[in-house]
Structures are given as structure tokens and as C-alpha cells.
PDB file of N, CA and C in Angstrom:
ATOM      1  N   MET A   1     -19.962 -24.675   7.739  1.00  0.00           N
ATOM      2  CA  MET A   1     -18.797 -24.701   6.870  1.00  0.00           C
ATOM      3  C   MET A   1     -18.364 -26.151   6.737  1.00  0.00           C
ATOM      4  N   ASN A   2     -18.250 -26.626   5.511  1.00  0.00           N
ATOM      5  CA  ASN A   2     -17.891 -28.032   5.344  1.00  0.00           C
ATOM      6  C   ASN A   2     -16.386 -28.248   5.514  1.00  0.00           C
ATOM      7  N   VAL A   3     -15.998 -29.503   5.535  1.00  0.00           N
ATOM      8  CA  VAL A   3     -14.610 -29.885   5.820  1.00  0.00           C
ATOM      9  C   VAL A   3     -13.663 -29.360   4.753  1.00  0.00           C
ATOM     10  N   ALA A   4     -14.056 -29.414   3.496  1.00  0.00           N
ATOM     11  CA  ALA A   4     -13.184 -28.957   2.411  1.00  0.00           C
ATOM     12  C   ALA A   4     -12.891 -27.460   2.540  1.00  0.00           C
ATOM     13  N   CYS A   5     -13.893 -26.675   2.883  1.00  0.00           N
ATOM     14  CA  CYS A   5     -13.684 -25.232   3.058  1.00  0.00           C
ATOM     15  C   CYS A   5     -12.774 -24.949   4.235  1.00  0.00           C
ATOM     16  N   ARG A   6     -12.933 -25.701   5.307  1.00  0.00           N
ATOM     17  CA  ARG A   6     -12.079 -25.512   6.480  1.00  0.00           C
ATOM     18  C   ARG A   6     -10.629 -25.857   6.158  1.00  0.00           C
ATOM     19  N   LEU A   7     -10.423 -26.949   5.421  1.00  0.00           N
ATOM     20  CA  LEU A   7      -9.060 -27.328   5.034  1.00  0.00           C
ATOM     21  C   LEU A   7      -8.434 -26.282   4.123  1.00  0.00           C
ATOM     22  N   LEU A   8      -9.207 -25.771   3.184  1.00  0.00           N
ATOM     23  CA  LEU A   8      -8.710 -24.738   2.285  1.00  0.00           C
ATOM     24  C   LEU A   8      -8.356 -23.475   3.054  1.00  0.00           C
ATOM     25  N   LEU A   9      -9.192 -23.076   3.989  1.00  0.00           N
ATOM     26  CA  LEU A   9      -8.917 -21.905   4.803  1.00  0.00           C
ATOM     27  C   LEU A   9      -7.656 -22.101   5.646  1.00  0.00           C
ATOM     28  N   ALA A  10      -7.505 -23.274   6.247  1.00  0.00           N
ATOM     29  CA  ALA A  10      -6.312 -23.566   7.056  1.00  0.00           C
ATOM     30  C   ALA A  10      -5.058 -23.550   6.192  1.00  0.00           C
ATOM     31  N   LEU A  11      -5.130 -24.077   4.982  1.00  0.00           N
ATOM     32  CA  LEU A  11      -3.982 -24.076   4.069  1.00  0.00           C
ATOM     33  C   LEU A  11      -3.606 -22.656   3.670  1.00  0.00           C
ATOM     34  N   MET A  12      -4.594 -21.817   3.391  1.00  0.00           N
ATOM     35  CA  MET A  12      -4.313 -20.433   3.011  1.00  0.00           C
ATOM     36  C   MET A  12      -3.664 -19.676   4.162  1.00  0.00           C
ATOM     37  N   ILE A  13      -4.138 -19.888   5.371  1.00  0.00           N
ATOM     38  CA  ILE A  13      -3.548 -19.222   6.532  1.00  0.00           C
ATOM     39  C   ILE A  13      -2.118 -19.691   6.745  1.00  0.00           C
ATOM     40  N   ALA A  14      -1.884 -20.989   6.597  1.00  0.00           N
ATOM     41  CA  ALA A  14      -0.536 -21.534   6.780  1.00  0.00           C
ATOM     42  C   ALA A  14       0.431 -20.968   5.746  1.00  0.00           C
ATOM     43  N   LEU A  15       0.024 -20.908   4.494  1.00  0.00           N
ATOM     44  CA  LEU A  15       0.902 -20.376   3.452  1.00  0.00           C
ATOM     45  C   LEU A  15       1.169 -18.894   3.653  1.00  0.00           C
ATOM     46  N   THR A  16       0.161 -18.154   4.071  1.00  0.00           N
ATOM     47  CA  THR A  16       0.342 -16.733   4.344  1.00  0.00           C
ATOM     48  C   THR A  16       1.318 -16.528   5.498  1.00  0.00           C
ATOM     49  N   SER A  17       1.212 -17.351   6.523  1.00  0.00           N
ATOM     50  CA  SER A  17       2.114 -17.249   7.667  1.00  0.00           C
ATOM     51  C   SER A  17       3.545 -17.547   7.259  1.00  0.00           C
ATOM     52  N   LEU A  18       3.742 -18.564   6.415  1.00  0.00           N
ATOM     53  CA  LEU A  18       5.090 -18.908   5.955  1.00  0.00           C
ATOM     54  C   LEU A  18       5.689 -17.780   5.124  1.00  0.00           C
ATOM     55  N   ASN A  19       4.874 -17.163   4.297  1.00  0.00           N
ATOM     56  CA  ASN A  19       5.350 -16.056   3.479  1.00  0.00           C
ATOM     57  C   ASN A  19       5.747 -14.859   4.347  1.00  0.00           C
ATOM     58  N   ALA A  20       5.008 -14.604   5.404  1.00  0.00           N
ATOM     59  CA  ALA A  20       5.313 -13.474   6.279  1.00  0.00           C
ATOM     60  C   ALA A  20       6.616 -13.688   7.039  1.00  0.00           C
ATOM     61  N   MET A  21       7.002 -14.930   7.252  1.00  0.00           N
ATOM     62  CA  MET A  21       8.223 -15.241   7.992  1.00  0.00           C
ATOM     63  C   MET A  21       9.430 -15.430   7.081  1.00  0.00           C
ATOM     64  N   SER A  22       9.290 -15.207   5.788  1.00  0.00           N
ATOM     65  CA  SER A  22      10.388 -15.462   4.868  1.00  0.00           C
ATOM     66  C   SER A  22      11.568 -14.535   5.156  1.00  0.00           C
ATOM     67  N   PRO A  23      12.807 -15.040   4.999  1.00  0.00           N
ATOM     68  CA  PRO A  23      13.983 -14.207   5.267  1.00  0.00           C
ATOM     69  C   PRO A  23      14.106 -13.035   4.305  1.00  0.00           C
ATOM     70  N   GLU A  24      13.520 -13.154   3.107  1.00  0.00           N
ATOM     71  CA  GLU A  24      13.583 -12.070   2.130  1.00  0.00           C
ATOM     72  C   GLU A  24      12.915 -10.817   2.677  1.00  0.00           C
ATOM     73  N   ARG A  25      11.817 -10.967   3.359  1.00  0.00           N
ATOM     74  CA  ARG A  25      11.097  -9.829   3.915  1.00  0.00           C
ATOM     75  C   ARG A  25      11.901  -9.177   5.037  1.00  0.00           C
ATOM     76  N   ALA A  26      12.632  -9.962   5.798  1.00  0.00           N
ATOM     77  CA  ALA A  26      13.408  -9.418   6.912  1.00  0.00           C
ATOM     78  C   ALA A  26      14.569  -8.563   6.429  1.00  0.00           C
ATOM     79  N   GLU A  27      15.021  -8.759   5.196  1.00  0.00           N
ATOM     80  CA  GLU A  27      16.163  -8.027   4.677  1.00  0.00           C
ATOM     81  C   GLU A  27      15.775  -6.716   4.005  1.00  0.00           C
ATOM     82  N   GLN A  28      14.501  -6.400   3.953  1.00  0.00           N
ATOM     83  CA  GLN A  28      14.076  -5.171   3.294  1.00  0.00           C
ATOM     84  C   GLN A  28      14.556  -3.954   4.068  1.00  0.00           C
ATOM     85  N   PHE A  29      14.774  -2.876   3.337  1.00  0.00           N
ATOM     86  CA  PHE A  29      15.258  -1.633   3.909  1.00  0.00           C
ATOM     87  C   PHE A  29      14.238  -1.053   4.867  1.00  0.00           C
ATOM     88  N   SER A  30      14.716  -0.664   6.020  1.00  0.00           N
ATOM     89  CA  SER A  30      13.868  -0.017   7.011  1.00  0.00           C
ATOM     90  C   SER A  30      14.481   1.323   7.378  1.00  0.00           C
ATOM     91  N   ASP A  31      13.664   2.348   7.400  1.00  0.00           N
ATOM     92  CA  ASP A  31      14.146   3.690   7.688  1.00  0.00           C
ATOM     93  C   ASP A  31      13.453   4.200   8.949  1.00  0.00           C
ATOM     94  N   ASP A  32      14.250   4.642   9.917  1.00  0.00           N
ATOM     95  CA  ASP A  32      13.690   5.121  11.176  1.00  0.00           C
ATOM     96  C   ASP A  32      13.246   6.576  11.116  1.00  0.00           C
ATOM     97  N   THR A  33      13.376   7.225   9.952  1.00  0.00           N
ATOM     98  CA  THR A  33      13.009   8.631   9.866  1.00  0.00           C
ATOM     99  C   THR A  33      11.706   8.872   9.117  1.00  0.00           C
ATOM    100  N   GLU A  34      11.147   7.830   8.498  1.00  0.00           N
ATOM    101  CA  GLU A  34       9.907   8.031   7.749  1.00  0.00           C
ATOM    102  C   GLU A  34       8.997   6.816   7.856  1.00  0.00           C
ATOM    103  N   ILE A  35       7.731   7.072   7.614  1.00  0.00           N
ATOM    104  CA  ILE A  35       6.715   6.029   7.533  1.00  0.00           C
ATOM    105  C   ILE A  35       6.157   6.101   6.121  1.00  0.00           C
ATOM    106  N   ARG A  36       6.218   5.001   5.395  1.00  0.00           N
ATOM    107  CA  ARG A  36       5.717   4.989   4.018  1.00  0.00           C
ATOM    108  C   ARG A  36       4.296   4.455   3.986  1.00  0.00           C
ATOM    109  N   ILE A  37       3.441   5.175   3.280  1.00  0.00           N
ATOM    110  CA  ILE A  37       2.058   4.756   3.081  1.00  0.00           C
ATOM    111  C   ILE A  37       1.783   4.816   1.584  1.00  0.00           C
ATOM    112  N   GLY A  38       1.423   3.677   1.008  1.00  0.00           N
ATOM    113  CA  GLY A  38       1.121   3.598  -0.414  1.00  0.00           C
ATOM    114  C   GLY A  38      -0.369   3.690  -0.665  1.00  0.00           C
ATOM    115  N   ASN A  39      -0.739   4.254  -1.813  1.00  0.00           N
ATOM    116  CA  ASN A  39      -2.142   4.478  -2.130  1.00  0.00           C
ATOM    117  C   ASN A  39      -2.340   4.423  -3.641  1.00  0.00           C
ATOM    118  N   LEU A  40      -3.381   3.734  -4.050  1.00  0.00           N
ATOM    119  CA  LEU A  40      -3.801   3.743  -5.450  1.00  0.00           C
ATOM    120  C   LEU A  40      -5.192   4.329  -5.507  1.00  0.00           C
ATOM    121  N   ILE A  41      -5.363   5.278  -6.387  1.00  0.00           N
ATOM    122  CA  ILE A  41      -6.675   5.917  -6.514  1.00  0.00           C
ATOM    123  C   ILE A  41      -6.821   6.419  -7.952  1.00  0.00           C
ATOM    124  N   PRO A  42      -8.024   6.402  -8.497  1.00  0.00           N
ATOM    125  CA  PRO A  42      -8.213   6.868  -9.872  1.00  0.00           C
ATOM    126  C   PRO A  42      -8.287   8.388  -9.962  1.00  0.00           C
ATOM    127  N   TYR A  43      -7.172   9.016 -10.267  1.00  0.00           N
ATOM    128  CA  TYR A  43      -7.167  10.465 -10.475  1.00  0.00           C
ATOM    129  C   TYR A  43      -7.685  10.801 -11.870  1.00  0.00           C
ATOM    130  N   THR A  44      -7.617   9.833 -12.782  1.00  0.00           N
ATOM    131  CA  THR A  44      -8.125   9.999 -14.149  1.00  0.00           C
ATOM    132  C   THR A  44      -8.987   8.788 -14.488  1.00  0.00           C
ATOM    133  N   GLY A  45      -9.677   8.851 -15.594  1.00  0.00           N
ATOM    134  CA  GLY A  45     -10.512   7.731 -16.027  1.00  0.00           C
ATOM    135  C   GLY A  45     -11.958   7.910 -15.602  1.00  0.00           C
ATOM    136  N   ASN A  46     -12.707   6.808 -15.690  1.00  0.00           N
ATOM    137  CA  ASN A  46     -14.146   6.848 -15.410  1.00  0.00           C
ATOM    138  C   ASN A  46     -14.480   7.209 -13.967  1.00  0.00           C
ATOM    139  N   LEU A  47     -13.598   6.887 -13.042  1.00  0.00           N
ATOM    140  CA  LEU A  47     -13.864   7.121 -11.620  1.00  0.00           C
ATOM    141  C   LEU A  47     -13.031   8.267 -11.059  1.00  0.00           C
ATOM    142  N   ALA A  48     -12.703   9.226 -11.901  1.00  0.00           N
ATOM    143  CA  ALA A  48     -11.810  10.324 -11.510  1.00  0.00           C
ATOM    144  C   ALA A  48     -12.349  11.155 -10.352  1.00  0.00           C
ATOM    145  N   GLU A  49     -13.672  11.160 -10.150  1.00  0.00           N
ATOM    146  CA  GLU A  49     -14.213  11.957  -9.046  1.00  0.00           C
ATOM    147  C   GLU A  49     -13.732  11.461  -7.681  1.00  0.00           C
ATOM    148  N   PHE A  50     -13.289  10.197  -7.603  1.00  0.00           N
ATOM    149  CA  PHE A  50     -12.746   9.677  -6.354  1.00  0.00           C
ATOM    150  C   PHE A  50     -11.316  10.163  -6.104  1.00  0.00           C
ATOM    151  N   GLY A  51     -10.716  10.809  -7.078  1.00  0.00           N
ATOM    152  CA  GLY A  51      -9.384  11.380  -6.910  1.00  0.00           C
ATOM    153  C   GLY A  51      -9.335  12.432  -5.814  1.00  0.00           C
ATOM    154  N   ALA A  52     -10.475  13.045  -5.524  1.00  0.00           N
ATOM    155  CA  ALA A  52     -10.531  14.030  -4.436  1.00  0.00           C
ATOM    156  C   ALA A  52     -10.179  13.389  -3.095  1.00  0.00           C
ATOM    157  N   ILE A  53     -10.490  12.118  -2.946  1.00  0.00           N
ATOM    158  CA  ILE A  53     -10.144  11.417  -1.704  1.00  0.00           C
ATOM    159  C   ILE A  53      -8.630  11.344  -1.559  1.00  0.00           C
ATOM    160  N   GLY A  54      -7.937  11.012  -2.638  1.00  0.00           N
ATOM    161  CA  GLY A  54      -6.475  10.937  -2.598  1.00  0.00           C
ATOM    162  C   GLY A  54      -5.847  12.284  -2.304  1.00  0.00           C
ATOM    163  N   LYS A  55      -6.421  13.340  -2.872  1.00  0.00           N
ATOM    164  CA  LYS A  55      -5.903  14.686  -2.608  1.00  0.00           C
ATOM    165  C   LYS A  55      -6.121  15.077  -1.153  1.00  0.00           C
ATOM    166  N   ALA A  56      -7.268  14.696  -0.592  1.00  0.00           N
ATOM    167  CA  ALA A  56      -7.541  14.991   0.817  1.00  0.00           C
ATOM    168  C   ALA A  56      -6.594  14.215   1.723  1.00  0.00           C
ATOM    169  N   GLU A  57      -6.323  12.965   1.379  1.00  0.00           N
ATOM    170  CA  GLU A  57      -5.378  12.168   2.166  1.00  0.00           C
ATOM    171  C   GLU A  57      -3.986  12.788   2.130  1.00  0.00           C
ATOM    172  N   ALA A  58      -3.552  13.214   0.956  1.00  0.00           N
ATOM    173  CA  ALA A  58      -2.235  13.845   0.830  1.00  0.00           C
ATOM    174  C   ALA A  58      -2.162  15.113   1.669  1.00  0.00           C
ATOM    175  N   ALA A  59      -3.224  15.913   1.651  1.00  0.00           N
ATOM    176  CA  ALA A  59      -3.248  17.142   2.456  1.00  0.00           C
ATOM    177  C   ALA A  59      -3.196  16.819   3.947  1.00  0.00           C
ATOM    178  N   TYR A  60      -3.888  15.772   4.355  1.00  0.00           N
ATOM    179  CA  TYR A  60      -3.871  15.373   5.767  1.00  0.00           C
ATOM    180  C   TYR A  60      -2.465  14.962   6.203  1.00  0.00           C
ATOM    181  N   PHE A  61      -1.791  14.152   5.380  1.00  0.00           N
ATOM    182  CA  PHE A  61      -0.442  13.720   5.740  1.00  0.00           C
ATOM    183  C   PHE A  61       0.547  14.879   5.701  1.00  0.00           C
ATOM    184  N   ASP A  62       0.327  15.850   4.815  1.00  0.00           N
ATOM    185  CA  ASP A  62       1.154  17.062   4.824  1.00  0.00           C
ATOM    186  C   ASP A  62       0.975  17.825   6.132  1.00  0.00           C
ATOM    187  N   MET A  63      -0.269  17.884   6.620  1.00  0.00           N
ATOM    188  CA  MET A  63      -0.534  18.549   7.889  1.00  0.00           C
ATOM    189  C   MET A  63       0.167  17.823   9.040  1.00  0.00           C
ATOM    190  N   ILE A  64       0.092  16.506   9.040  1.00  0.00           N
ATOM    191  CA  ILE A  64       0.768  15.717  10.087  1.00  0.00           C
ATOM    192  C   ILE A  64       2.270  15.977  10.043  1.00  0.00           C
ATOM    193  N   ASN A  65       2.849  15.998   8.827  1.00  0.00           N
ATOM    194  CA  ASN A  65       4.287  16.253   8.698  1.00  0.00           C
ATOM    195  C   ASN A  65       4.649  17.659   9.159  1.00  0.00           C
ATOM    196  N   ALA A  66       3.796  18.640   8.864  1.00  0.00           N
ATOM    197  CA  ALA A  66       4.058  20.019   9.294  1.00  0.00           C
ATOM    198  C   ALA A  66       4.038  20.151  10.811  1.00  0.00           C
ATOM    199  N   ARG A  67       3.312  19.284  11.466  1.00  0.00           N
ATOM    200  CA  ARG A  67       3.246  19.295  12.936  1.00  0.00           C
ATOM    201  C   ARG A  67       4.315  18.412  13.578  1.00  0.00           C
ATOM    202  N   GLY A  68       5.260  17.929  12.778  1.00  0.00           N
ATOM    203  CA  GLY A  68       6.358  17.137  13.335  1.00  0.00           C
ATOM    204  C   GLY A  68       6.273  15.657  13.070  1.00  0.00           C
ATOM    205  N   GLY A  69       5.260  15.217  12.361  1.00  0.00           N
ATOM    206  CA  GLY A  69       5.138  13.803  12.037  1.00  0.00           C
ATOM    207  C   GLY A  69       4.583  12.988  13.197  1.00  0.00           C
ATOM    208  N   ILE A  70       4.869  11.715  13.166  1.00  0.00           N
ATOM    209  CA  ILE A  70       4.420  10.794  14.203  1.00  0.00           C
ATOM    210  C   ILE A  70       5.648  10.333  14.967  1.00  0.00           C
ATOM    211  N   ASN A  71       5.759  10.750  16.213  1.00  0.00           N
ATOM    212  CA  ASN A  71       6.937  10.443  17.035  1.00  0.00           C
ATOM    213  C   ASN A  71       8.234  10.835  16.329  1.00  0.00           C
ATOM    214  N   GLY A  72       8.195  11.962  15.652  1.00  0.00           N
ATOM    215  CA  GLY A  72       9.375  12.466  14.968  1.00  0.00           C
ATOM    216  C   GLY A  72       9.617  11.873  13.591  1.00  0.00           C
ATOM    217  N   ARG A  73       8.787  10.958  13.164  1.00  0.00           N
ATOM    218  CA  ARG A  73       8.942  10.326  11.848  1.00  0.00           C
ATOM    219  C   ARG A  73       7.971  10.961  10.858  1.00  0.00           C
ATOM    220  N   LYS A  74       8.491  11.390   9.725  1.00  0.00           N
ATOM    221  CA  LYS A  74       7.668  11.988   8.674  1.00  0.00           C
ATOM    222  C   LYS A  74       6.941  10.889   7.910  1.00  0.00           C
ATOM    223  N   ILE A  75       5.771  11.234   7.382  1.00  0.00           N
ATOM    224  CA  ILE A  75       4.996  10.303   6.569  1.00  0.00           C
ATOM    225  C   ILE A  75       5.303  10.567   5.108  1.00  0.00           C
ATOM    226  N   ARG A  76       5.688   9.529   4.409  1.00  0.00           N
ATOM    227  CA  ARG A  76       5.900   9.620   2.966  1.00  0.00           C
ATOM    228  C   ARG A  76       4.698   8.963   2.297  1.00  0.00           C
ATOM    229  N   PHE A  77       3.815   9.789   1.781  1.00  0.00           N
ATOM    230  CA  PHE A  77       2.584   9.320   1.153  1.00  0.00           C
ATOM    231  C   PHE A  77       2.835   9.124  -0.330  1.00  0.00           C
ATOM    232  N   ILE A  78       2.829   7.884  -0.767  1.00  0.00           N
ATOM    233  CA  ILE A  78       3.093   7.542  -2.168  1.00  0.00           C
ATOM    234  C   ILE A  78       1.751   7.222  -2.813  1.00  0.00           C
ATOM    235  N   SER A  79       1.246   8.120  -3.627  1.00  0.00           N
ATOM    236  CA  SER A  79      -0.054   7.950  -4.251  1.00  0.00           C
ATOM    237  C   SER A  79       0.120   7.806  -5.758  1.00  0.00           C
ATOM    238  N   ARG A  80      -0.504   6.802  -6.310  1.00  0.00           N
ATOM    239  CA  ARG A  80      -0.410   6.527  -7.750  1.00  0.00           C
ATOM    240  C   ARG A  80      -1.786   6.537  -8.388  1.00  0.00           C
ATOM    241  N   ASP A  81      -1.838   6.961  -9.634  1.00  0.00           N
ATOM    242  CA  ASP A  81      -3.069   7.004 -10.423  1.00  0.00           C
ATOM    243  C   ASP A  81      -3.231   5.670 -11.149  1.00  0.00           C
ATOM    244  N   ASP A  82      -4.302   4.936 -10.834  1.00  0.00           N
ATOM    245  CA  ASP A  82      -4.535   3.659 -11.515  1.00  0.00           C
ATOM    246  C   ASP A  82      -5.419   3.811 -12.751  1.00  0.00           C
ATOM    247  N   ASN A  83      -5.803   5.040 -13.088  1.00  0.00           N
ATOM    248  CA  ASN A  83      -6.564   5.350 -14.295  1.00  0.00           C
ATOM    249  C   ASN A  83      -7.860   4.545 -14.397  1.00  0.00           C
ATOM    250  N   SER A  84      -8.425   4.176 -13.264  1.00  0.00           N
ATOM    251  CA  SER A  84      -9.670   3.385 -13.210  1.00  0.00           C
ATOM    252  C   SER A  84      -9.540   2.055 -13.939  1.00  0.00           C
ATOM    253  N   ASP A  85      -8.336   1.502 -13.993  1.00  0.00           N
ATOM    254  CA  ASP A  85      -8.063   0.267 -14.721  1.00  0.00           C
ATOM    255  C   ASP A  85      -7.461  -0.772 -13.771  1.00  0.00           C
ATOM    256  N   PRO A  86      -8.142  -1.896 -13.557  1.00  0.00           N
ATOM    257  CA  PRO A  86      -7.652  -2.902 -12.629  1.00  0.00           C
ATOM    258  C   PRO A  86      -6.291  -3.498 -13.010  1.00  0.00           C
ATOM    259  N   THR A  87      -6.009  -3.617 -14.304  1.00  0.00           N
ATOM    260  CA  THR A  87      -4.713  -4.186 -14.695  1.00  0.00           C
ATOM    261  C   THR A  87      -3.573  -3.230 -14.360  1.00  0.00           C
ATOM    262  N   VAL A  88      -3.811  -1.948 -14.530  1.00  0.00           N
ATOM    263  CA  VAL A  88      -2.812  -0.949 -14.142  1.00  0.00           C
ATOM    264  C   VAL A  88      -2.647  -0.957 -12.628  1.00  0.00           C
ATOM    265  N   ALA A  89      -3.765  -1.085 -11.910  1.00  0.00           N
ATOM    266  CA  ALA A  89      -3.723  -1.114 -10.441  1.00  0.00           C
ATOM    267  C   ALA A  89      -2.889  -2.290  -9.946  1.00  0.00           C
ATOM    268  N   LEU A  90      -3.001  -3.432 -10.597  1.00  0.00           N
ATOM    269  CA  LEU A  90      -2.220  -4.604 -10.196  1.00  0.00           C
ATOM    270  C   LEU A  90      -0.728  -4.338 -10.328  1.00  0.00           C
ATOM    271  N   ASP A  91      -0.322  -3.778 -11.462  1.00  0.00           N
ATOM    272  CA  ASP A  91       1.099  -3.471 -11.672  1.00  0.00           C
ATOM    273  C   ASP A  91       1.599  -2.419 -10.682  1.00  0.00           C
ATOM    274  N   LEU A  92       0.799  -1.405 -10.441  1.00  0.00           N
ATOM    275  CA  LEU A  92       1.196  -0.354  -9.499  1.00  0.00           C
ATOM    276  C   LEU A  92       1.292  -0.895  -8.071  1.00  0.00           C
ATOM    277  N   THR A  93       0.366  -1.771  -7.704  1.00  0.00           N
ATOM    278  CA  THR A  93       0.415  -2.380  -6.373  1.00  0.00           C
ATOM    279  C   THR A  93       1.683  -3.191  -6.197  1.00  0.00           C
ATOM    280  N   ARG A  94       2.013  -3.978  -7.218  1.00  0.00           N
ATOM    281  CA  ARG A  94       3.261  -4.747  -7.179  1.00  0.00           C
ATOM    282  C   ARG A  94       4.461  -3.829  -6.985  1.00  0.00           C
ATOM    283  N   GLY A  95       4.484  -2.731  -7.716  1.00  0.00           N
ATOM    284  CA  GLY A  95       5.582  -1.787  -7.607  1.00  0.00           C
ATOM    285  C   GLY A  95       5.679  -1.148  -6.230  1.00  0.00           C
ATOM    286  N   LEU A  96       4.527  -0.808  -5.649  1.00  0.00           N
ATOM    287  CA  LEU A  96       4.530  -0.208  -4.318  1.00  0.00           C
ATOM    288  C   LEU A  96       5.003  -1.206  -3.260  1.00  0.00           C
ATOM    289  N   VAL A  97       4.527  -2.436  -3.361  1.00  0.00           N
ATOM    290  CA  VAL A  97       4.876  -3.444  -2.359  1.00  0.00           C
ATOM    291  C   VAL A  97       6.343  -3.862  -2.481  1.00  0.00           C
ATOM    292  N   GLU A  98       6.803  -4.067  -3.699  1.00  0.00           N
ATOM    293  CA  GLU A  98       8.161  -4.571  -3.890  1.00  0.00           C
ATOM    294  C   GLU A  98       9.231  -3.486  -3.800  1.00  0.00           C
ATOM    295  N   GLY A  99       8.907  -2.283  -4.248  1.00  0.00           N
ATOM    296  CA  GLY A  99       9.937  -1.251  -4.264  1.00  0.00           C
ATOM    297  C   GLY A  99       9.589   0.001  -3.521  1.00  0.00           C
ATOM    298  N   GLY A 100       8.334   0.362  -3.502  1.00  0.00           N
ATOM    299  CA  GLY A 100       7.905   1.547  -2.800  1.00  0.00           C
ATOM    300  C   GLY A 100       8.167   2.845  -3.559  1.00  0.00           C
ATOM    301  N   THR A 101       8.778   2.753  -4.749  1.00  0.00           N
ATOM    302  CA  THR A 101       9.091   3.977  -5.468  1.00  0.00           C
ATOM    303  C   THR A 101       8.683   3.927  -6.929  1.00  0.00           C
ATOM    304  N   MET A 102       7.818   3.002  -7.316  1.00  0.00           N
ATOM    305  CA  MET A 102       7.424   2.888  -8.710  1.00  0.00           C
ATOM    306  C   MET A 102       6.691   4.141  -9.156  1.00  0.00           C
ATOM    307  N   SER A 103       7.087   4.680 -10.277  1.00  0.00           N
ATOM    308  CA  SER A 103       6.425   5.885 -10.774  1.00  0.00           C
ATOM    309  C   SER A 103       5.644   5.564 -12.033  1.00  0.00           C
ATOM    310  N   THR A 104       4.667   6.418 -12.322  1.00  0.00           N
ATOM    311  CA  THR A 104       3.860   6.220 -13.531  1.00  0.00           C
ATOM    312  C   THR A 104       4.096   7.353 -14.492  1.00  0.00           C
TER     313      THR A 104
END
């Protein structure tokens, strides 16, 4: 690995670390009664056959919730259809990360 690649890697790690420590992230809402898990999967479009994976994941988390959740905390599985389109996936990812409740 040459020097330029090492410097670039070190810079990326440093910027990522600074972003993780930002005060804005510390002020986000935290709920002690649920665990949120976001998911993007193509339920429609060219890759719709992979939508079965999202349905299986939802069923699994429903089973976990029916058994009392994880340490008493229910799992809120937020699954969005990206329609096999990367531009839609980008917007949906932003919505999940920033708000956790973006709907399509």
C-alpha cells in the first residue's frame, strides 16, 4: 500500500470518527422500549424475487416480539421497497437514517 493510499485511509477514518462524535447524534431520540431495525429490499421491480427475504425477516422479528422481544424490548422492523432502483434506495436510506419513519 503506497503512502497516498495510507494517508487517504487515515483521513477517512478520522473524518468518520469525528462525525460519530458529533453532538447532533447524541441528541437523537432514544427509546428504551423498542429496537429499530431498518431494511431496504426490492419487493417490486426487476429483483422482486429477493422480496421473499424481507418477508422472512419480518416474520422472524414478529416471532421474536411474540416471545417477549429482546430483554423486554420489542423490535420495530422498518422495511422499505426500493423498487430495484439505486436512486430510490439512496433516498429511502437517508430517510431511515435521519428519521426512521420515512414512508413510501
